[in-house]
Amino acid sequence: MPDEQPVEIELRRCLYPALCSARSCRAKATTIARSVDAGGRPMKQYELCYIHANQVAERERAKGRKVN
């Protein structure tokens, strides 16, 4: 089975208490970023603050991935 790449990134509100997963960031997570493969299956999930969620969305759009 080849190593699948994510084709879409889902951004959802974080409804539970968590800290941002970005290195050295101690802000409260407000967004869950989840990468999804071609079959719609979640691959990875990160809790992110508002700033880092926007950075991820911008980076993934530049790679040509869909951001929801």
N, C-alpha and C. Protein backbone atom coordinates (compact mmCIF):
# COMPACT_ATOMS: atom_id res chain seq x y z
N MET A 1 0.85 -1.18 0.00
CA MET A 1 0.00 0.00 0.00
C MET A 1 0.90 1.24 0.00
N PRO A 2 0.73 2.13 -0.97
CA PRO A 2 1.56 3.33 -1.02
C PRO A 2 1.22 4.29 0.11
N ASP A 3 2.18 5.12 0.46
CA ASP A 3 1.98 6.11 1.50
C ASP A 3 1.04 7.20 0.98
N GLU A 4 -0.17 7.25 1.49
CA GLU A 4 -1.16 8.22 1.01
C GLU A 4 -0.88 9.61 1.54
N GLN A 5 -1.17 10.60 0.74
CA GLN A 5 -1.03 12.00 1.12
C GLN A 5 -2.41 12.57 1.39
N PRO A 6 -2.51 13.51 2.34
CA PRO A 6 -3.81 14.14 2.58
C PRO A 6 -4.24 14.97 1.37
N VAL A 7 -5.53 14.93 1.08
CA VAL A 7 -6.06 15.71 -0.03
C VAL A 7 -6.90 16.88 0.46
N GLU A 8 -7.25 16.85 1.73
CA GLU A 8 -8.12 17.88 2.29
C GLU A 8 -7.77 18.10 3.76
N ILE A 9 -7.97 19.33 4.21
CA ILE A 9 -7.77 19.67 5.61
C ILE A 9 -9.10 20.21 6.14
N GLU A 10 -9.60 19.60 7.20
CA GLU A 10 -10.83 20.06 7.83
C GLU A 10 -10.47 20.91 9.04
N LEU A 11 -11.10 22.05 9.17
CA LEU A 11 -10.93 22.91 10.34
C LEU A 11 -12.25 22.99 11.07
N ARG A 12 -12.24 22.61 12.34
CA ARG A 12 -13.45 22.61 13.16
C ARG A 12 -13.16 23.29 14.48
N ARG A 13 -14.20 23.79 15.14
CA ARG A 13 -14.04 24.38 16.47
C ARG A 13 -13.61 23.32 17.47
N CYS A 14 -12.70 23.68 18.34
CA CYS A 14 -12.28 22.79 19.42
C CYS A 14 -13.21 23.03 20.60
N LEU A 15 -13.97 22.02 20.98
CA LEU A 15 -14.98 22.16 22.02
C LEU A 15 -14.53 21.59 23.36
N TYR A 16 -13.26 21.29 23.49
CA TYR A 16 -12.74 20.78 24.75
C TYR A 16 -11.46 21.56 25.10
N PRO A 17 -11.10 21.61 26.35
CA PRO A 17 -9.91 22.38 26.75
C PRO A 17 -8.62 21.69 26.27
N ALA A 18 -7.81 22.43 25.54
CA ALA A 18 -6.53 21.91 25.06
C ALA A 18 -5.61 23.08 24.77
N LEU A 19 -4.32 22.80 24.76
CA LEU A 19 -3.34 23.81 24.38
C LEU A 19 -2.98 23.61 22.91
N CYS A 20 -2.51 24.65 22.28
CA CYS A 20 -2.08 24.60 20.89
C CYS A 20 -0.95 23.58 20.74
N SER A 21 -1.02 22.79 19.68
CA SER A 21 -0.02 21.75 19.42
C SER A 21 1.26 22.29 18.79
N ALA A 22 1.26 23.54 18.38
CA ALA A 22 2.45 24.12 17.76
C ALA A 22 3.57 24.24 18.79
N ARG A 23 4.77 24.01 18.33
CA ARG A 23 5.93 24.07 19.23
C ARG A 23 6.06 25.43 19.89
N SER A 24 6.27 25.44 21.17
CA SER A 24 6.50 26.64 21.99
C SER A 24 5.28 27.55 22.10
N CYS A 25 4.12 27.12 21.65
CA CYS A 25 2.92 27.94 21.77
C CYS A 25 2.14 27.46 22.99
N ARG A 26 1.82 28.37 23.87
CA ARG A 26 1.09 28.02 25.09
C ARG A 26 -0.34 28.58 25.07
N ALA A 27 -0.80 28.98 23.89
CA ALA A 27 -2.14 29.54 23.76
C ALA A 27 -3.19 28.43 23.81
N LYS A 28 -4.41 28.82 24.14
CA LYS A 28 -5.53 27.88 24.17
C LYS A 28 -5.91 27.49 22.74
N ALA A 29 -6.14 26.21 22.51
CA ALA A 29 -6.56 25.73 21.19
C ALA A 29 -8.01 26.13 20.94
N THR A 30 -8.28 26.69 19.78
CA THR A 30 -9.63 27.07 19.39
C THR A 30 -10.11 26.29 18.17
N THR A 31 -9.17 25.60 17.49
CA THR A 31 -9.48 24.92 16.23
C THR A 31 -8.86 23.54 16.21
N ILE A 32 -9.57 22.60 15.61
CA ILE A 32 -9.02 21.28 15.35
C ILE A 32 -8.76 21.21 13.85
N ALA A 33 -7.52 20.92 13.49
CA ALA A 33 -7.14 20.74 12.09
C ALA A 33 -6.94 19.24 11.86
N ARG A 34 -7.69 18.68 10.94
CA ARG A 34 -7.63 17.24 10.67
C ARG A 34 -7.34 17.02 9.20
N SER A 35 -6.29 16.25 8.89
CA SER A 35 -6.01 15.92 7.49
C SER A 35 -6.82 14.68 7.11
N VAL A 36 -7.34 14.70 5.88
CA VAL A 36 -8.22 13.65 5.39
C VAL A 36 -7.66 13.10 4.09
N ASP A 37 -7.67 11.77 3.92
CA ASP A 37 -7.16 11.17 2.69
C ASP A 37 -8.24 11.15 1.61
N ALA A 38 -7.92 10.59 0.46
CA ALA A 38 -8.83 10.58 -0.69
C ALA A 38 -10.13 9.83 -0.40
N GLY A 39 -10.09 8.88 0.53
CA GLY A 39 -11.30 8.12 0.87
C GLY A 39 -12.13 8.78 1.96
N GLY A 40 -11.71 9.97 2.42
CA GLY A 40 -12.45 10.67 3.45
C GLY A 40 -12.11 10.24 4.87
N ARG A 41 -11.07 9.42 5.01
CA ARG A 41 -10.66 8.94 6.33
C ARG A 41 -9.68 9.91 6.98
N PRO A 42 -9.88 10.22 8.26
CA PRO A 42 -8.95 11.12 8.94
C PRO A 42 -7.58 10.45 9.09
N MET A 43 -6.53 11.25 8.89
CA MET A 43 -5.17 10.73 9.00
C MET A 43 -4.48 11.22 10.28
N LYS A 44 -4.49 12.53 10.49
CA LYS A 44 -3.90 13.14 11.67
C LYS A 44 -4.79 14.26 12.15
N GLN A 45 -4.64 14.60 13.43
CA GLN A 45 -5.43 15.68 14.00
C GLN A 45 -4.56 16.49 14.95
N TYR A 46 -4.71 17.81 14.87
CA TYR A 46 -3.96 18.72 15.74
C TYR A 46 -4.90 19.75 16.31
N GLU A 47 -4.69 20.10 17.57
CA GLU A 47 -5.42 21.20 18.19
C GLU A 47 -4.54 22.44 18.04
N LEU A 48 -5.12 23.52 17.51
CA LEU A 48 -4.34 24.73 17.21
C LEU A 48 -5.04 25.99 17.70
N CYS A 49 -4.25 27.00 18.02
CA CYS A 49 -4.80 28.31 18.34
C CYS A 49 -5.21 28.98 17.02
N TYR A 50 -5.89 30.11 17.13
CA TYR A 50 -6.40 30.82 15.95
C TYR A 50 -5.28 31.16 14.96
N ILE A 51 -4.18 31.68 15.46
CA ILE A 51 -3.07 32.10 14.59
C ILE A 51 -2.46 30.91 13.85
N HIS A 52 -2.18 29.83 14.55
CA HIS A 52 -1.57 28.68 13.90
C HIS A 52 -2.54 27.97 12.96
N ALA A 53 -3.82 27.98 13.27
CA ALA A 53 -4.81 27.40 12.36
C ALA A 53 -4.85 28.16 11.04
N ASN A 54 -4.76 29.49 11.11
CA ASN A 54 -4.73 30.28 9.88
C ASN A 54 -3.46 30.02 9.08
N GLN A 55 -2.33 29.85 9.76
CA GLN A 55 -1.08 29.55 9.07
C GLN A 55 -1.15 28.19 8.37
N VAL A 56 -1.73 27.20 9.02
CA VAL A 56 -1.88 25.88 8.42
C VAL A 56 -2.80 25.96 7.20
N ALA A 57 -3.91 26.66 7.32
CA ALA A 57 -4.85 26.80 6.20
C ALA A 57 -4.18 27.46 5.00
N GLU A 58 -3.42 28.52 5.25
CA GLU A 58 -2.73 29.22 4.17
C GLU A 58 -1.68 28.32 3.50
N ARG A 59 -0.91 27.60 4.31
CA ARG A 59 0.13 26.71 3.78
C ARG A 59 -0.48 25.59 2.94
N GLU A 60 -1.58 25.00 3.43
CA GLU A 60 -2.20 23.88 2.71
C GLU A 60 -2.87 24.34 1.42
N ARG A 61 -3.46 25.52 1.42
CA ARG A 61 -4.03 26.06 0.18
C ARG A 61 -2.94 26.29 -0.87
N ALA A 62 -1.77 26.75 -0.42
CA ALA A 62 -0.64 26.97 -1.34
C ALA A 62 -0.17 25.64 -1.94
N LYS A 63 -0.35 24.54 -1.23
CA LYS A 63 0.01 23.22 -1.74
C LYS A 63 -1.07 22.65 -2.66
N GLY A 64 -2.19 23.36 -2.79
CA GLY A 64 -3.28 22.92 -3.65
C GLY A 64 -4.29 22.01 -2.97
N ARG A 65 -4.22 21.91 -1.66
CA ARG A 65 -5.18 21.10 -0.93
C ARG A 65 -6.42 21.90 -0.58
N LYS A 66 -7.54 21.22 -0.53
CA LYS A 66 -8.80 21.85 -0.16
C LYS A 66 -8.85 22.05 1.35
N VAL A 67 -9.31 23.21 1.79
CA VAL A 67 -9.46 23.50 3.22
C VAL A 67 -10.91 23.79 3.50
N ASN A 68 -11.49 23.00 4.39
CA ASN A 68 -12.90 23.17 4.80
C ASN A 68 -12.96 23.68 6.19
